[in-house]
Amino acid sequence: MTVLVAYATKYGATREVAEAVADTLTHLGVECEVCPAGDVRDLSGRSAVVLGSALYYFMLHGDAKRFLSRNRKALAGMPVALFALGPFNDTPDEMASARGTVDKYLAKTDWLSPVAVTVFGGRHDPASLRFPDNNPGMRNMPPSDARDWDAIRAWAASLPPLLGVAV
């Protein structure tokens, strides 16, 4: 069976993390498929799901929320791991705030009990911003990339037993 690594992203940073998660799982012998959450209509043939979502304005990306809603019945019967990207700076306060956003969403989604949940730092590239994100406040922030690739790969490597996948 295949593990689906789905992602919801606006500027590509979450896709890059999803690809790193899938690469790590694949190197461990797990068959993976990576695709945008908005493109997934059916979970047949998948044994587990890893869902990645960017956090925007203290909310999960709309494609991630729609993915969960659209696949609610199937997801309720399979292991799901969730990661989110958000803070542009890897400070304890920003990470705690981002994790609070995820926890708040999960508290309202009582049918979903992820086997693993984490938050990673995100990336900010002012030059790539589009409306409405290209407002002066966001445009004037310095570029940053708070993704910790070692932590991302370590988290991914911890997933197979949680997802019920033999390696």
N, C-alpha and C. Protein backbone atom coordinates (compact mmCIF):
# COMPACT_ATOMS: atom_id res chain seq x y z
N MET A 1 0.84 -1.18 0.00
CA MET A 1 0.00 0.00 0.00
C MET A 1 0.88 1.25 0.00
N THR A 2 0.31 2.32 -0.49
CA THR A 2 1.04 3.57 -0.68
C THR A 2 0.68 4.59 0.40
N VAL A 3 1.66 5.33 0.85
CA VAL A 3 1.43 6.46 1.74
C VAL A 3 1.31 7.70 0.87
N LEU A 4 0.22 8.42 1.01
CA LEU A 4 0.02 9.66 0.29
C LEU A 4 0.62 10.80 1.11
N VAL A 5 1.49 11.57 0.49
CA VAL A 5 2.01 12.79 1.11
C VAL A 5 1.38 13.94 0.32
N ALA A 6 0.34 14.52 0.90
CA ALA A 6 -0.39 15.61 0.26
C ALA A 6 0.04 16.92 0.91
N TYR A 7 -0.03 17.99 0.13
CA TYR A 7 0.40 19.27 0.66
C TYR A 7 -0.48 20.40 0.14
N ALA A 8 -0.59 21.44 0.95
CA ALA A 8 -1.31 22.66 0.58
C ALA A 8 -0.34 23.82 0.75
N THR A 9 -0.03 24.48 -0.34
CA THR A 9 0.99 25.52 -0.33
C THR A 9 0.57 26.68 -1.21
N LYS A 10 1.11 27.83 -0.95
CA LYS A 10 0.83 28.99 -1.77
C LYS A 10 2.06 29.40 -2.57
N TYR A 11 3.23 29.30 -1.96
CA TYR A 11 4.46 29.74 -2.61
C TYR A 11 5.48 28.62 -2.79
N GLY A 12 5.15 27.39 -2.41
CA GLY A 12 6.01 26.25 -2.69
C GLY A 12 6.84 25.70 -1.55
N ALA A 13 6.95 26.40 -0.44
CA ALA A 13 7.79 25.91 0.66
C ALA A 13 7.23 24.62 1.25
N THR A 14 5.92 24.52 1.38
CA THR A 14 5.32 23.31 1.95
C THR A 14 5.47 22.14 0.98
N ARG A 15 5.40 22.39 -0.31
CA ARG A 15 5.64 21.34 -1.30
C ARG A 15 7.06 20.79 -1.14
N GLU A 16 8.02 21.67 -0.96
CA GLU A 16 9.41 21.23 -0.80
C GLU A 16 9.57 20.37 0.44
N VAL A 17 8.89 20.71 1.52
CA VAL A 17 8.96 19.90 2.73
C VAL A 17 8.26 18.56 2.50
N ALA A 18 7.11 18.57 1.84
CA ALA A 18 6.41 17.33 1.53
C ALA A 18 7.29 16.40 0.70
N GLU A 19 8.01 16.96 -0.25
CA GLU A 19 8.92 16.14 -1.06
C GLU A 19 10.04 15.56 -0.21
N ALA A 20 10.56 16.33 0.74
CA ALA A 20 11.61 15.83 1.63
C ALA A 20 11.07 14.72 2.53
N VAL A 21 9.84 14.86 3.00
CA VAL A 21 9.21 13.82 3.82
C VAL A 21 9.08 12.54 2.98
N ALA A 22 8.57 12.68 1.77
CA ALA A 22 8.39 11.51 0.90
C ALA A 22 9.73 10.88 0.55
N ASP A 23 10.75 11.69 0.28
CA ASP A 23 12.08 11.15 -0.03
C ASP A 23 12.62 10.34 1.15
N THR A 24 12.45 10.87 2.35
CA THR A 24 12.91 10.15 3.54
C THR A 24 12.17 8.83 3.69
N LEU A 25 10.86 8.86 3.54
CA LEU A 25 10.07 7.62 3.64
C LEU A 25 10.47 6.63 2.56
N THR A 26 10.67 7.12 1.35
CA THR A 26 11.06 6.24 0.23
C THR A 26 12.41 5.57 0.51
N HIS A 27 13.37 6.33 1.05
CA HIS A 27 14.68 5.76 1.39
C HIS A 27 14.57 4.69 2.47
N LEU A 28 13.50 4.75 3.26
CA LEU A 28 13.26 3.73 4.28
C LEU A 28 12.50 2.54 3.73
N GLY A 29 12.12 2.61 2.45
CA GLY A 29 11.42 1.49 1.82
C GLY A 29 9.92 1.65 1.76
N VAL A 30 9.40 2.84 2.07
CA VAL A 30 7.96 3.08 2.04
C VAL A 30 7.58 3.62 0.66
N GLU A 31 6.58 3.02 0.06
CA GLU A 31 6.09 3.52 -1.22
C GLU A 31 5.25 4.76 -0.98
N CYS A 32 5.61 5.85 -1.66
CA CYS A 32 4.95 7.14 -1.44
C CYS A 32 4.47 7.74 -2.75
N GLU A 33 3.46 8.56 -2.61
CA GLU A 33 2.97 9.39 -3.70
C GLU A 33 2.84 10.80 -3.13
N VAL A 34 3.35 11.78 -3.85
CA VAL A 34 3.30 13.18 -3.42
C VAL A 34 2.41 13.94 -4.38
N CYS A 35 1.45 14.69 -3.85
CA CYS A 35 0.62 15.52 -4.73
C CYS A 35 -0.08 16.62 -3.96
N PRO A 36 -0.51 17.67 -4.68
CA PRO A 36 -1.24 18.76 -4.03
C PRO A 36 -2.53 18.25 -3.42
N ALA A 37 -2.82 18.69 -2.22
CA ALA A 37 -4.05 18.27 -1.53
C ALA A 37 -5.29 18.61 -2.34
N GLY A 38 -5.25 19.71 -3.06
CA GLY A 38 -6.40 20.12 -3.85
C GLY A 38 -6.70 19.20 -5.02
N ASP A 39 -5.74 18.36 -5.41
CA ASP A 39 -5.93 17.45 -6.53
C ASP A 39 -6.44 16.08 -6.11
N VAL A 40 -6.45 15.78 -4.82
CA VAL A 40 -6.81 14.44 -4.34
C VAL A 40 -8.32 14.33 -4.17
N ARG A 41 -8.90 13.40 -4.90
CA ARG A 41 -10.35 13.18 -4.82
C ARG A 41 -10.71 11.82 -4.24
N ASP A 42 -9.72 10.90 -4.20
CA ASP A 42 -10.00 9.54 -3.77
C ASP A 42 -8.76 8.99 -3.07
N LEU A 43 -8.96 8.33 -1.95
CA LEU A 43 -7.84 7.77 -1.19
C LEU A 43 -7.69 6.27 -1.39
N SER A 44 -8.40 5.70 -2.35
CA SER A 44 -8.27 4.27 -2.63
C SER A 44 -6.82 3.93 -2.92
N GLY A 45 -6.38 2.78 -2.40
CA GLY A 45 -5.02 2.32 -2.64
C GLY A 45 -3.99 2.96 -1.73
N ARG A 46 -4.41 3.84 -0.85
CA ARG A 46 -3.48 4.46 0.10
C ARG A 46 -3.72 3.87 1.48
N SER A 47 -2.64 3.57 2.18
CA SER A 47 -2.77 2.98 3.51
C SER A 47 -2.67 4.01 4.62
N ALA A 48 -2.11 5.17 4.29
CA ALA A 48 -1.94 6.24 5.29
C ALA A 48 -1.73 7.55 4.54
N VAL A 49 -1.87 8.64 5.30
CA VAL A 49 -1.72 9.97 4.71
C VAL A 49 -0.83 10.82 5.60
N VAL A 50 0.07 11.56 4.96
CA VAL A 50 0.81 12.63 5.60
C VAL A 50 0.33 13.90 4.91
N LEU A 51 -0.23 14.81 5.68
CA LEU A 51 -0.75 16.06 5.12
C LEU A 51 0.08 17.22 5.63
N GLY A 52 0.56 18.03 4.69
CA GLY A 52 1.29 19.24 5.04
C GLY A 52 0.51 20.46 4.64
N SER A 53 0.49 21.44 5.51
CA SER A 53 -0.24 22.68 5.23
C SER A 53 0.59 23.88 5.62
N ALA A 54 0.57 24.87 4.75
CA ALA A 54 1.10 26.16 5.12
C ALA A 54 0.11 26.82 6.07
N LEU A 55 0.60 27.67 6.95
CA LEU A 55 -0.26 28.45 7.81
C LEU A 55 -0.24 29.89 7.31
N TYR A 56 -1.43 30.43 7.07
CA TYR A 56 -1.56 31.81 6.61
C TYR A 56 -2.52 32.54 7.53
N TYR A 57 -2.04 33.63 8.08
CA TYR A 57 -2.89 34.46 8.93
C TYR A 57 -3.59 33.62 10.01
N PHE A 58 -2.80 32.76 10.64
CA PHE A 58 -3.27 31.93 11.77
C PHE A 58 -4.34 30.94 11.36
N MET A 59 -4.28 30.43 10.13
CA MET A 59 -5.22 29.41 9.66
C MET A 59 -4.48 28.40 8.79
N LEU A 60 -4.99 27.15 8.79
CA LEU A 60 -4.48 26.19 7.84
C LEU A 60 -4.88 26.63 6.44
N HIS A 61 -4.07 26.28 5.47
CA HIS A 61 -4.36 26.59 4.06
C HIS A 61 -5.71 25.98 3.69
N GLY A 62 -6.49 26.71 2.92
CA GLY A 62 -7.83 26.26 2.53
C GLY A 62 -7.83 24.91 1.83
N ASP A 63 -6.82 24.62 1.01
CA ASP A 63 -6.76 23.32 0.33
C ASP A 63 -6.60 22.17 1.34
N ALA A 64 -5.88 22.40 2.42
CA ALA A 64 -5.72 21.37 3.45
C ALA A 64 -7.05 21.12 4.15
N LYS A 65 -7.75 22.19 4.51
CA LYS A 65 -9.04 22.03 5.18
C LYS A 65 -10.05 21.34 4.26
N ARG A 66 -10.07 21.71 2.99
CA ARG A 66 -10.98 21.06 2.04
C ARG A 66 -10.62 19.60 1.83
N PHE A 67 -9.32 19.29 1.80
CA PHE A 67 -8.87 17.90 1.67
C PHE A 67 -9.41 17.07 2.83
N LEU A 68 -9.26 17.58 4.04
CA LEU A 68 -9.73 16.86 5.21
C LEU A 68 -11.24 16.68 5.17
N SER A 69 -11.95 17.70 4.82
CA SER A 69 -13.41 17.63 4.76
C SER A 69 -13.87 16.66 3.67
N ARG A 70 -13.30 16.77 2.51
CA ARG A 70 -13.70 15.95 1.36
C ARG A 70 -13.42 14.47 1.60
N ASN A 71 -12.36 14.16 2.34
CA ASN A 71 -11.94 12.77 2.55
C ASN A 71 -12.19 12.29 3.97
N ARG A 72 -13.10 12.94 4.65
CA ARG A 72 -13.35 12.67 6.07
C ARG A 72 -13.59 11.19 6.36
N LYS A 73 -14.48 10.56 5.61
CA LYS A 73 -14.80 9.15 5.89
C LYS A 73 -13.58 8.25 5.74
N ALA A 74 -12.85 8.41 4.66
CA ALA A 74 -11.68 7.57 4.44
C ALA A 74 -10.60 7.85 5.48
N LEU A 75 -10.39 9.11 5.80
CA LEU A 75 -9.34 9.47 6.75
C LEU A 75 -9.64 8.99 8.17
N ALA A 76 -10.91 8.90 8.51
CA ALA A 76 -11.29 8.45 9.86
C ALA A 76 -10.86 7.00 10.09
N GLY A 77 -10.61 6.27 9.01
CA GLY A 77 -10.25 4.86 9.14
C GLY A 77 -8.79 4.56 8.82
N MET A 78 -7.95 5.57 8.72
CA MET A 78 -6.54 5.31 8.40
C MET A 78 -5.64 6.25 9.20
N PRO A 79 -4.38 5.86 9.36
CA PRO A 79 -3.43 6.72 10.07
C PRO A 79 -3.15 8.00 9.26
N VAL A 80 -3.14 9.11 9.97
CA VAL A 80 -2.87 10.42 9.36
C VAL A 80 -1.82 11.13 10.21
N ALA A 81 -0.81 11.66 9.55
CA ALA A 81 0.18 12.52 10.20
C ALA A 81 0.03 13.90 9.59
N LEU A 82 0.25 14.92 10.39
CA LEU A 82 0.04 16.29 9.94
C LEU A 82 1.25 17.15 10.29
N PHE A 83 1.71 17.93 9.30
CA PHE A 83 2.72 18.93 9.59
C PHE A 83 2.26 20.26 9.01
N ALA A 84 2.72 21.32 9.64
CA ALA A 84 2.39 22.67 9.18
C ALA A 84 3.65 23.50 9.13
N LEU A 85 3.69 24.43 8.19
CA LEU A 85 4.78 25.39 8.09
C LEU A 85 4.21 26.76 8.35
N GLY A 86 4.89 27.52 9.15
CA GLY A 86 4.33 28.82 9.43
C GLY A 86 5.34 29.88 9.80
N PRO A 87 5.90 29.79 10.98
CA PRO A 87 6.72 30.91 11.45
C PRO A 87 7.89 31.17 10.51
N PHE A 88 8.14 32.44 10.25
CA PHE A 88 9.28 32.81 9.42
C PHE A 88 10.55 32.82 10.24
N ASN A 89 10.40 32.86 11.56
CA ASN A 89 11.54 32.85 12.46
C ASN A 89 11.35 31.70 13.45
N ASP A 90 12.42 30.99 13.69
CA ASP A 90 12.34 29.81 14.56
C ASP A 90 12.52 30.21 16.02
N THR A 91 11.59 31.05 16.51
CA THR A 91 11.65 31.44 17.92
C THR A 91 10.62 30.63 18.69
N PRO A 92 10.85 30.40 19.96
CA PRO A 92 9.88 29.63 20.75
C PRO A 92 8.47 30.22 20.72
N ASP A 93 8.36 31.55 20.80
CA ASP A 93 7.03 32.17 20.79
C ASP A 93 6.31 31.96 19.46
N GLU A 94 7.03 32.14 18.35
CA GLU A 94 6.40 31.96 17.05
C GLU A 94 6.03 30.50 16.82
N MET A 95 6.89 29.58 17.21
CA MET A 95 6.58 28.16 17.05
C MET A 95 5.38 27.76 17.91
N ALA A 96 5.33 28.26 19.14
CA ALA A 96 4.20 27.96 20.02
C ALA A 96 2.90 28.53 19.46
N SER A 97 2.96 29.72 18.90
CA SER A 97 1.78 30.32 18.31
C SER A 97 1.29 29.51 17.12
N ALA A 98 2.22 29.07 16.27
CA ALA A 98 1.85 28.25 15.11
C ALA A 98 1.26 26.92 15.56
N ARG A 99 1.87 26.30 16.56
CA ARG A 99 1.34 25.02 17.06
C ARG A 99 -0.05 25.24 17.66
N GLY A 100 -0.26 26.37 18.31
CA GLY A 100 -1.58 26.69 18.84
C GLY A 100 -2.63 26.78 17.75
N THR A 101 -2.24 27.34 16.60
CA THR A 101 -3.15 27.41 15.46
C THR A 101 -3.56 26.01 15.02
N VAL A 102 -2.60 25.11 14.91
CA VAL A 102 -2.89 23.73 14.50
C VAL A 102 -3.76 23.04 15.54
N ASP A 103 -3.40 23.18 16.80
CA ASP A 103 -4.16 22.53 17.88
C ASP A 103 -5.60 23.05 17.93
N LYS A 104 -5.78 24.33 17.71
CA LYS A 104 -7.12 24.93 17.69
C LYS A 104 -7.96 24.32 16.58
N TYR A 105 -7.36 24.16 15.40
CA TYR A 105 -8.09 23.53 14.29
C TYR A 105 -8.43 22.09 14.63
N LEU A 106 -7.48 21.33 15.15
CA LEU A 106 -7.72 19.93 15.48
C LEU A 106 -8.78 19.78 16.56
N ALA A 107 -8.86 20.71 17.48
CA ALA A 107 -9.88 20.65 18.53
C ALA A 107 -11.28 20.76 17.95
N LYS A 108 -11.41 21.45 16.82
CA LYS A 108 -12.71 21.59 16.16
C LYS A 108 -12.99 20.44 15.20
N THR A 109 -12.00 19.58 15.00
CA THR A 109 -12.11 18.47 14.06
C THR A 109 -12.02 17.18 14.86
N ASP A 110 -13.04 16.91 15.66
CA ASP A 110 -12.98 15.82 16.63
C ASP A 110 -12.93 14.43 16.01
N TRP A 111 -13.25 14.30 14.75
CA TRP A 111 -13.19 13.00 14.08
C TRP A 111 -11.76 12.63 13.66
N LEU A 112 -10.86 13.61 13.66
CA LEU A 112 -9.49 13.40 13.21
C LEU A 112 -8.56 13.29 14.41
N SER A 113 -7.83 12.18 14.48
CA SER A 113 -6.85 11.96 15.54
C SER A 113 -5.51 11.61 14.92
N PRO A 114 -4.75 12.61 14.51
CA PRO A 114 -3.47 12.31 13.85
C PRO A 114 -2.53 11.52 14.75
N VAL A 115 -1.76 10.64 14.12
CA VAL A 115 -0.78 9.84 14.85
C VAL A 115 0.48 10.66 15.14
N ALA A 116 0.65 11.75 14.42
CA ALA A 116 1.79 12.65 14.63
C ALA A 116 1.40 14.03 14.12
N VAL A 117 1.79 15.06 14.88
CA VAL A 117 1.53 16.44 14.49
C VAL A 117 2.77 17.25 14.83
N THR A 118 3.20 18.08 13.90
CA THR A 118 4.35 18.94 14.17
C THR A 118 4.23 20.23 13.37
N VAL A 119 5.03 21.20 13.78
CA VAL A 119 5.12 22.48 13.08
C VAL A 119 6.60 22.73 12.79
N PHE A 120 6.86 23.12 11.56
CA PHE A 120 8.22 23.50 11.15
C PHE A 120 8.22 24.97 10.81
N GLY A 121 9.38 25.57 10.88
CA GLY A 121 9.52 26.94 10.43
C GLY A 121 9.24 27.03 8.94
N GLY A 122 8.84 28.20 8.50
CA GLY A 122 8.50 28.40 7.10
C GLY A 122 9.54 29.23 6.38
N ARG A 123 9.16 29.64 5.18
CA ARG A 123 10.04 30.45 4.35
C ARG A 123 9.30 31.72 3.96
N HIS A 124 10.01 32.82 3.93
CA HIS A 124 9.43 34.10 3.49
C HIS A 124 10.33 34.71 2.43
N ASP A 125 9.76 34.90 1.24
CA ASP A 125 10.49 35.52 0.14
C ASP A 125 9.66 36.70 -0.36
N PRO A 126 9.96 37.91 0.11
CA PRO A 126 9.16 39.07 -0.26
C PRO A 126 9.05 39.29 -1.77
N ALA A 127 10.07 38.87 -2.51
CA ALA A 127 10.05 39.08 -3.96
C ALA A 127 9.00 38.23 -4.67
N SER A 128 8.56 37.14 -4.04
CA SER A 128 7.60 36.25 -4.69
C SER A 128 6.15 36.54 -4.32
N LEU A 129 5.91 37.47 -3.42
CA LEU A 129 4.57 37.71 -2.91
C LEU A 129 3.62 38.25 -3.98
N ARG A 130 2.38 37.76 -3.92
CA ARG A 130 1.30 38.21 -4.78
C ARG A 130 0.20 38.78 -3.90
N PHE A 131 -0.70 39.51 -4.50
CA PHE A 131 -1.84 40.08 -3.78
C PHE A 131 -2.62 38.95 -3.11
N PRO A 132 -3.08 39.08 -1.89
CA PRO A 132 -3.01 40.24 -1.00
C PRO A 132 -1.79 40.22 -0.08
N ASP A 133 -0.91 39.25 -0.29
CA ASP A 133 0.25 39.11 0.60
C ASP A 133 1.34 40.15 0.35
N ASN A 134 1.26 40.86 -0.76
CA ASN A 134 2.32 41.82 -1.08
C ASN A 134 2.05 43.20 -0.47
N ASN A 135 1.39 43.21 0.66
CA ASN A 135 1.16 44.48 1.36
C ASN A 135 2.49 44.98 1.93
N PRO A 136 2.58 46.26 2.26
CA PRO A 136 3.87 46.81 2.73
C PRO A 136 4.46 46.08 3.93
N GLY A 137 3.63 45.66 4.86
CA GLY A 137 4.15 44.97 6.03
C GLY A 137 4.88 43.68 5.67
N MET A 138 4.30 42.90 4.76
CA MET A 138 4.92 41.64 4.34
C MET A 138 6.08 41.88 3.37
N ARG A 139 5.92 42.85 2.49
CA ARG A 139 6.95 43.16 1.50
C ARG A 139 8.23 43.67 2.14
N ASN A 140 8.09 44.37 3.26
CA ASN A 140 9.26 44.98 3.91
C ASN A 140 9.93 44.06 4.93
N MET A 141 9.37 42.88 5.16
CA MET A 141 10.02 41.91 6.04
C MET A 141 11.23 41.32 5.32
N PRO A 142 12.30 41.07 6.02
CA PRO A 142 13.47 40.48 5.35
C PRO A 142 13.19 39.03 4.94
N PRO A 143 13.84 38.57 3.89
CA PRO A 143 13.70 37.17 3.50
C PRO A 143 14.18 36.27 4.63
N SER A 144 13.55 35.11 4.74
CA SER A 144 13.99 34.15 5.76
C SER A 144 13.60 32.74 5.32
N ASP A 145 14.31 31.79 5.85
CA ASP A 145 13.98 30.39 5.64
C ASP A 145 14.27 29.67 6.96
N ALA A 146 13.22 29.41 7.72
CA ALA A 146 13.36 28.81 9.05
C ALA A 146 13.14 27.30 9.02
N ARG A 147 13.13 26.70 7.82
CA ARG A 147 12.95 25.25 7.74
C ARG A 147 14.22 24.55 8.22
N ASP A 148 14.05 23.63 9.14
CA ASP A 148 15.16 22.84 9.69
C ASP A 148 15.11 21.48 9.00
N TRP A 149 15.93 21.31 7.97
CA TRP A 149 15.85 20.10 7.16
C TRP A 149 16.21 18.85 7.94
N ASP A 150 17.12 18.94 8.89
CA ASP A 150 17.45 17.77 9.71
C ASP A 150 16.24 17.37 10.56
N ALA A 151 15.54 18.35 11.14
CA ALA A 151 14.35 18.05 11.94
C ALA A 151 13.23 17.49 11.06
N ILE A 152 13.11 17.99 9.86
CA ILE A 152 12.08 17.50 8.93
C ILE A 152 12.35 16.04 8.60
N ARG A 153 13.59 15.72 8.24
CA ARG A 153 13.93 14.34 7.89
C ARG A 153 13.80 13.41 9.11
N ALA A 154 14.17 13.89 10.29
CA ALA A 154 14.04 13.07 11.50
C ALA A 154 12.57 12.78 11.80
N TRP A 155 11.71 13.79 11.65
CA TRP A 155 10.28 13.58 11.88
C TRP A 155 9.75 12.57 10.88
N ALA A 156 10.11 12.72 9.62
CA ALA A 156 9.65 11.78 8.59
C ALA A 156 10.12 10.36 8.89
N ALA A 157 11.36 10.22 9.35
CA ALA A 157 11.90 8.90 9.65
C ALA A 157 11.18 8.24 10.82
N SER A 158 10.55 9.03 11.67
CA SER A 158 9.81 8.47 12.81
C SER A 158 8.42 7.99 12.43
N LEU A 159 7.97 8.30 11.22
CA LEU A 159 6.58 8.04 10.86
C LEU A 159 6.21 6.59 10.54
N PRO A 160 7.05 5.77 9.91
CA PRO A 160 6.57 4.45 9.49
C PRO A 160 5.83 3.63 10.56
N PRO A 161 6.38 3.46 11.77
CA PRO A 161 5.60 2.67 12.74
C PRO A 161 4.30 3.34 13.14
N LEU A 162 4.29 4.67 13.17
CA LEU A 162 3.06 5.39 13.51
C LEU A 162 1.99 5.26 12.44
N LEU A 163 2.45 5.16 11.19
CA LEU A 163 1.54 5.02 10.07
C LEU A 163 1.19 3.56 9.79
N GLY A 164 1.77 2.64 10.56
CA GLY A 164 1.48 1.22 10.38
C GLY A 164 2.14 0.65 9.15
N VAL A 165 3.29 1.21 8.79
CA VAL A 165 4.00 0.77 7.59
C VAL A 165 5.27 0.04 7.99
N ALA A 166 5.46 -1.14 7.45
CA ALA A 166 6.68 -1.90 7.75
C ALA A 166 7.82 -1.39 6.87
N VAL A 167 9.00 -1.29 7.47
CA VAL A 167 10.19 -0.87 6.71
C VAL A 167 11.26 -1.94 6.81
